[in-house]
Structures are given as structure tokens and as C-alpha cells.
Amino acid sequence: MKIMIVNNMRLASTMEMGNRIASTLRGQGLDILIDSSSADITSELFDAIIVLGGDGTMIRTARQYADR
């Protein structure tokens, strides 16, 4: 299973939390993609998304990946 983690780059706490979550999930054998709002990885396929941030991050993520 491949999981996308989306962080709000302006919030250091989400970057830190995203790295901890990614480490834990990788330890469980899952593949992790990290979208830090600056990377263009929209062509990657994934099974689930974890969004770390506020309303704006949730809305941007929903719009960007809705067709997945």
C-alpha cells in the first residue's frame, strides 16, 4: 500500500509530525510519498492520503487529488 502524506510547509509542526508518521508507516512496510506543497508528484499513484495542516491544506489537497 502506498500512502501520500501532505504537509503545510509553513507549519514546522506538520513537517515534524509528517516525518514521524512516515517513519512509523515505513516501519510497518508501507510505501510513503510526501507532498510538502512544493513538490510536483501529482503523477504518482497512491492508495490513501494523510493531510497535516489546516482548512486550506485540506481544500488544496482535495482539489489537487480529487480525480484519484
C-alpha atoms as a PDB file:
ATOM      1  CA  MET A   1       0.000   0.000   0.000  1.00  0.00           C
ATOM      2  CA  LYS A   2       1.246   3.492  -0.875  1.00  0.00           C
ATOM      3  CA  ILE A   3       0.254   6.440   1.314  1.00  0.00           C
ATOM      4  CA  MET A   4       0.627  10.126   0.478  1.00  0.00           C
ATOM      5  CA  ILE A   5       1.374  12.488   3.369  1.00  0.00           C
ATOM      6  CA  VAL A   6       0.562  16.135   2.621  1.00  0.00           C
ATOM      7  CA  ASN A   7       2.143  18.799   4.848  1.00  0.00           C
ATOM      8  CA  ASN A   8       1.664  22.534   5.106  1.00  0.00           C
ATOM      9  CA  MET A   9       5.247  23.754   4.596  1.00  0.00           C
ATOM     10  CA  ARG A  10       4.536  26.955   6.515  1.00  0.00           C
ATOM     11  CA  LEU A  11       3.882  24.974   9.696  1.00  0.00           C
ATOM     12  CA  ALA A  12       7.043  23.348  11.046  1.00  0.00           C
ATOM     13  CA  SER A  13       4.919  21.186  13.330  1.00  0.00           C
ATOM     14  CA  THR A  14       3.257  19.465  10.362  1.00  0.00           C
ATOM     15  CA  MET A  15       6.615  18.730   8.763  1.00  0.00           C
ATOM     16  CA  GLU A  16       7.874  17.202  12.001  1.00  0.00           C
ATOM     17  CA  MET A  17       4.693  15.188  12.517  1.00  0.00           C
ATOM     18  CA  GLY A  18       4.698  14.062   8.883  1.00  0.00           C
ATOM     19  CA  ASN A  19       8.238  12.737   9.219  1.00  0.00           C
ATOM     20  CA  ARG A  20       7.312  10.809  12.376  1.00  0.00           C
ATOM     21  CA  ILE A  21       4.217   9.326  10.737  1.00  0.00           C
ATOM     22  CA  ALA A  22       6.207   8.416   7.619  1.00  0.00           C
ATOM     23  CA  SER A  23       8.866   6.695   9.707  1.00  0.00           C
ATOM     24  CA  THR A  24       6.282   4.698  11.632  1.00  0.00           C
ATOM     25  CA  LEU A  25       4.407   3.640   8.496  1.00  0.00           C
ATOM     26  CA  ARG A  26       7.612   2.696   6.674  1.00  0.00           C
ATOM     27  CA  GLY A  27       8.425   0.518   9.676  1.00  0.00           C
ATOM     28  CA  GLN A  28       5.141  -1.275   9.001  1.00  0.00           C
ATOM     29  CA  GLY A  29       6.240  -1.962   5.423  1.00  0.00           C
ATOM     30  CA  LEU A  30       4.180   0.745   3.707  1.00  0.00           C
ATOM     31  CA  ASP A  31       5.416   2.936   0.852  1.00  0.00           C
ATOM     32  CA  ILE A  32       5.224   6.647   1.657  1.00  0.00           C
ATOM     33  CA  LEU A  33       5.104   9.709  -0.595  1.00  0.00           C
ATOM     34  CA  ILE A  34       5.494  13.143   0.968  1.00  0.00           C
ATOM     35  CA  ASP A  35       3.941  16.196  -0.712  1.00  0.00           C
ATOM     36  CA  SER A  36       5.219  19.295   1.061  1.00  0.00           C
ATOM     37  CA  SER A  37       3.140  21.693  -1.037  1.00  0.00           C
ATOM     38  CA  SER A  38       6.155  22.384  -3.233  1.00  0.00           C
ATOM     39  CA  ALA A  39       6.884  19.039  -4.851  1.00  0.00           C
ATOM     40  CA  ASP A  40       5.227  18.103  -8.119  1.00  0.00           C
ATOM     41  CA  ILE A  41       4.381  14.462  -7.565  1.00  0.00           C
ATOM     42  CA  THR A  42       0.878  14.570  -8.991  1.00  0.00           C
ATOM     43  CA  SER A  43       1.681  11.724 -11.397  1.00  0.00           C
ATOM     44  CA  GLU A  44       2.421   9.286  -8.569  1.00  0.00           C
ATOM     45  CA  LEU A  45      -0.239   6.701  -7.747  1.00  0.00           C
ATOM     46  CA  PHE A  46      -1.254   6.113  -4.123  1.00  0.00           C
ATOM     47  CA  ASP A  47      -3.952   4.383  -2.073  1.00  0.00           C
ATOM     48  CA  ALA A  48      -4.629   6.867   0.739  1.00  0.00           C
ATOM     49  CA  ILE A  49      -3.806  10.420   1.852  1.00  0.00           C
ATOM     50  CA  ILE A  50      -2.961  11.801   5.290  1.00  0.00           C
ATOM     51  CA  VAL A  51      -3.300  15.609   5.385  1.00  0.00           C
ATOM     52  CA  LEU A  52      -1.488  17.617   8.069  1.00  0.00           C
ATOM     53  CA  GLY A  53      -2.436  21.273   8.208  1.00  0.00           C
ATOM     54  CA  GLY A  54      -5.496  23.445   8.384  1.00  0.00           C
ATOM     55  CA  ASP A  55      -8.562  24.039   6.256  1.00  0.00           C
ATOM     56  CA  GLY A  56      -6.542  25.476   3.382  1.00  0.00           C
ATOM     57  CA  THR A  57      -4.303  22.425   3.207  1.00  0.00           C
ATOM     58  CA  MET A  58      -7.342  20.129   3.242  1.00  0.00           C
ATOM     59  CA  ILE A  59      -9.082  22.081   0.469  1.00  0.00           C
ATOM     60  CA  ARG A  60      -5.950  22.307  -1.705  1.00  0.00           C
ATOM     61  CA  THR A  61      -5.335  18.590  -1.303  1.00  0.00           C
ATOM     62  CA  ALA A  62      -8.938  17.691  -2.117  1.00  0.00           C
ATOM     63  CA  ARG A  63      -8.822  19.800  -5.280  1.00  0.00           C
ATOM     64  CA  GLN A  64      -5.401  18.583  -6.376  1.00  0.00           C
ATOM     65  CA  TYR A  65      -6.048  14.873  -5.888  1.00  0.00           C
ATOM     66  CA  ALA A  66      -9.851  14.610  -6.313  1.00  0.00           C
ATOM     67  CA  ASP A  67      -9.587  12.665  -9.563  1.00  0.00           C
ATOM     68  CA  ARG A  68      -7.500   9.951  -7.939  1.00  0.00           C
END
